[in-house]
Amino acid sequence: MDEITLRFDQSIASRVINDEIAGIYGQELLSELQSLIRFYHIYDSGADFPTEGAKDYTPATMKYKKARTLINKEARFLFGKPPDFFVSVPPASDSEQAKKKAKQDASVLLRLITDVLKTNKFNKKLIQAAKDAFIGRRVAAIVNFEEQNGIIVNFIPSLEFVAEMDQNNNDRLTKLICFY
């Protein structure tokens, strides 16, 4: 990708971000993004601690990555063993044949889900998503259906998307804009 195209793509992304954050919550969103960037910096580099006491010596500048260690352990603890998925297909009627067909359909769907998750390295991505959720407060799970590549599952950290929730129902997502 040449520099002109990259600059053009960045200007489009900048305009979309500016349009989305304009309004009442714009400053709040920008300050939250700045704090998330600071949290990721602490995770990557360790925390800075101010030195106390007399300055008649050069204090050590040791950085401890305790937050990184705790977040990594917690993510492995939660998702070291991947979650189990179960599929239930209700039978069309009470006949034995319908129940048998429903059971077969459920096993086919479960096999499809298992294959898609294995192909997408879901377990590894889930652990990384847990780390991103601990650092950045939220992640977005995206499932893309593509003709060439099939079903793609991705987790996006909070710095790479802007979400808008319904004002009357906080559980309902009304808009999600991803930048990746």
Protein backbone atom coordinates (compact mmCIF):
# COMPACT_ATOMS: atom_id res chain seq x y z
CA MET A 1 0.00 0.00 0.00
CA ASP A 2 1.56 3.29 -1.01
CA GLU A 3 1.75 6.37 1.19
CA ILE A 4 -0.98 8.31 -0.63
CA THR A 5 -3.50 5.47 -0.25
CA LEU A 6 -2.58 5.01 3.40
CA ARG A 7 -2.98 8.74 4.08
CA PHE A 8 -6.34 8.73 2.27
CA ASP A 9 -7.55 5.71 4.28
CA GLN A 10 -6.45 7.37 7.53
CA SER A 11 -8.28 10.58 6.62
CA ILE A 12 -11.47 8.60 5.95
CA ALA A 13 -11.12 6.81 9.29
CA SER A 14 -10.44 10.14 11.03
CA ARG A 15 -13.55 11.71 9.50
CA VAL A 16 -15.72 8.75 10.48
CA ILE A 17 -14.35 8.81 14.04
CA ASN A 18 -14.87 12.57 14.31
CA ASP A 19 -18.44 12.25 13.01
CA GLU A 20 -19.19 9.49 15.52
CA ILE A 21 -17.76 11.24 18.55
CA ALA A 22 -19.18 14.66 17.79
CA GLY A 23 -21.90 15.70 20.20
CA ILE A 24 -22.52 15.39 23.90
CA TYR A 25 -20.38 12.31 24.55
CA GLY A 26 -17.42 13.28 22.34
CA GLN A 27 -15.15 14.62 25.08
CA GLU A 28 -16.07 11.75 27.37
CA LEU A 29 -15.16 9.22 24.66
CA LEU A 30 -11.86 10.94 23.89
CA SER A 31 -10.86 11.01 27.56
CA GLU A 32 -11.81 7.33 27.88
CA LEU A 33 -9.68 6.46 24.85
CA GLN A 34 -6.74 8.35 26.38
CA SER A 35 -7.10 6.43 29.64
CA LEU A 36 -7.28 3.13 27.71
CA ILE A 37 -4.09 4.00 25.86
CA ARG A 38 -2.47 4.71 29.24
CA PHE A 39 -3.69 1.32 30.56
CA TYR A 40 -2.21 -0.49 27.56
CA HIS A 41 1.06 1.38 28.11
CA ILE A 42 1.14 0.26 31.74
CA TYR A 43 0.41 -3.32 30.63
CA ASP A 44 3.22 -3.26 28.03
CA SER A 45 5.88 -1.22 29.85
CA GLY A 46 5.05 -1.46 33.52
CA ALA A 47 3.93 1.30 35.84
CA ASP A 48 5.98 4.37 36.70
CA PHE A 49 6.35 5.04 40.39
CA PRO A 50 7.50 8.43 41.67
CA THR A 51 10.59 8.29 43.83
CA GLU A 52 10.53 9.73 47.32
CA GLY A 53 13.14 11.07 49.61
CA ALA A 54 16.27 13.13 49.15
CA LYS A 55 17.74 13.52 45.70
CA ASP A 56 21.36 13.03 46.79
CA TYR A 57 21.43 9.77 44.82
CA THR A 58 20.16 8.51 41.49
CA PRO A 59 17.03 6.45 42.13
CA ALA A 60 16.58 3.13 40.36
CA THR A 61 14.12 3.16 37.49
CA MET A 62 12.88 -0.37 37.84
CA LYS A 63 9.51 -1.06 36.28
CA TYR A 64 7.46 -3.89 37.63
CA LYS A 65 4.95 -5.52 35.32
CA LYS A 66 2.68 -6.85 38.05
CA ALA A 67 -0.47 -5.82 36.16
CA ARG A 68 0.66 -7.77 33.10
CA THR A 69 1.40 -10.86 35.18
CA LEU A 70 -1.97 -10.73 36.95
CA ILE A 71 -3.94 -10.12 33.74
CA ASN A 72 -2.17 -12.95 31.92
CA LYS A 73 -2.79 -15.39 34.79
CA GLU A 74 -6.43 -14.39 35.12
CA ALA A 75 -7.08 -14.78 31.37
CA ARG A 76 -5.43 -18.22 31.37
CA PHE A 77 -7.43 -19.19 34.46
CA LEU A 78 -10.72 -18.16 32.85
CA PHE A 79 -10.17 -19.56 29.37
CA GLY A 80 -7.27 -22.00 29.62
CA LYS A 81 -9.89 -24.67 29.11
CA PRO A 82 -12.09 -23.43 26.27
CA PRO A 83 -15.84 -23.20 26.80
CA ASP A 84 -18.07 -26.08 25.75
CA PHE A 85 -20.80 -25.46 23.20
CA PHE A 86 -24.05 -27.39 23.02
CA VAL A 87 -26.68 -27.23 20.28
CA SER A 88 -30.31 -28.17 20.77
CA VAL A 89 -32.72 -28.43 17.85
CA PRO A 90 -36.39 -28.74 18.79
CA PRO A 91 -38.15 -31.59 16.98
CA ALA A 92 -40.85 -30.70 14.47
CA SER A 93 -43.27 -33.11 16.13
CA ASP A 94 -43.43 -35.67 18.95
CA SER A 95 -42.71 -38.64 16.70
CA GLU A 96 -39.57 -40.69 17.16
CA GLN A 97 -38.48 -39.96 13.58
CA ALA A 98 -38.70 -36.17 14.17
CA LYS A 99 -36.75 -36.48 17.42
CA LYS A 100 -34.07 -38.54 15.67
CA LYS A 101 -33.81 -35.98 12.84
CA ALA A 102 -33.55 -33.13 15.36
CA LYS A 103 -30.74 -34.95 17.15
CA GLN A 104 -28.90 -35.49 13.84
CA ASP A 105 -29.37 -31.83 12.89
CA ALA A 106 -27.99 -30.76 16.27
CA SER A 107 -24.90 -32.91 15.81
CA VAL A 108 -24.32 -31.46 12.31
CA LEU A 109 -24.61 -27.90 13.65
CA LEU A 110 -22.33 -28.68 16.58
CA ARG A 111 -19.73 -30.14 14.18
CA LEU A 112 -19.94 -26.98 12.04
CA ILE A 113 -19.45 -24.74 15.09
CA THR A 114 -16.54 -26.85 16.32
CA ASP A 115 -14.84 -26.79 12.91
CA VAL A 116 -15.30 -23.02 12.50
CA LEU A 117 -13.90 -22.32 15.98
CA LYS A 118 -10.94 -24.65 15.44
CA THR A 119 -10.15 -23.13 12.03
CA ASN A 120 -10.24 -19.62 13.53
CA LYS A 121 -8.04 -20.59 16.51
CA PHE A 122 -10.86 -19.47 18.77
CA ASN A 123 -9.25 -20.66 22.01
CA LYS A 124 -6.10 -18.58 21.50
CA LYS A 125 -8.13 -15.54 20.41
CA LEU A 126 -10.42 -15.91 23.41
CA ILE A 127 -7.52 -15.69 25.87
CA GLN A 128 -6.22 -12.56 24.11
CA ALA A 129 -9.74 -11.10 24.11
CA ALA A 130 -9.97 -11.68 27.86
CA LYS A 131 -6.71 -9.77 28.33
CA ASP A 132 -8.03 -6.92 26.18
CA ALA A 133 -11.27 -6.88 28.17
CA PHE A 134 -9.36 -6.65 31.46
CA ILE A 135 -7.25 -3.78 30.14
CA GLY A 136 -9.74 -1.94 27.93
CA ARG A 137 -13.02 -2.75 29.69
CA ARG A 138 -14.68 -4.33 26.63
CA VAL A 139 -14.14 -6.22 23.39
CA ALA A 140 -16.32 -6.79 20.34
CA ALA A 141 -16.82 -10.24 18.90
CA ILE A 142 -17.19 -10.05 15.12
CA VAL A 143 -18.33 -12.93 12.92
CA ASN A 144 -17.83 -12.40 9.18
CA PHE A 145 -19.32 -14.63 6.51
CA GLU A 146 -17.19 -14.51 3.36
CA GLU A 147 -17.49 -16.54 0.19
CA GLN A 148 -13.73 -16.98 -0.25
CA ASN A 149 -12.64 -17.48 3.38
CA GLY A 150 -15.76 -18.95 4.96
CA ILE A 151 -16.77 -17.95 8.48
CA ILE A 152 -14.24 -15.70 10.25
CA VAL A 153 -14.39 -15.05 14.01
CA ASN A 154 -12.45 -12.08 15.46
CA PHE A 155 -12.30 -10.21 18.73
CA ILE A 156 -11.63 -6.49 18.52
CA PRO A 157 -10.16 -4.51 21.46
CA SER A 158 -11.93 -1.38 22.67
CA LEU A 159 -9.49 1.00 20.96
CA GLU A 160 -10.50 -0.35 17.55
CA PHE A 161 -14.26 0.22 17.65
CA VAL A 162 -16.92 2.71 18.65
CA ALA A 163 -20.22 1.30 19.92
CA GLU A 164 -23.53 2.99 20.52
CA MET A 165 -26.16 1.47 22.78
CA ASP A 166 -29.90 2.08 22.80
CA GLN A 167 -30.71 4.80 25.33
CA ASN A 168 -33.82 2.97 26.56
CA ASN A 169 -32.31 -0.52 26.64
CA ASN A 170 -28.63 -0.73 27.60
CA ASP A 171 -28.46 -4.35 26.43
CA ARG A 172 -29.30 -3.41 22.84
CA LEU A 173 -26.51 -2.41 20.48
CA THR A 174 -27.64 0.14 17.88
CA LYS A 175 -24.35 0.88 16.11
CA LEU A 176 -20.88 -0.61 15.93
CA ILE A 177 -18.10 0.94 13.85
CA CYS A 178 -14.85 -1.02 13.66
CA PHE A 179 -11.43 0.23 12.56
CA TYR A 180 -9.15 -2.67 11.72
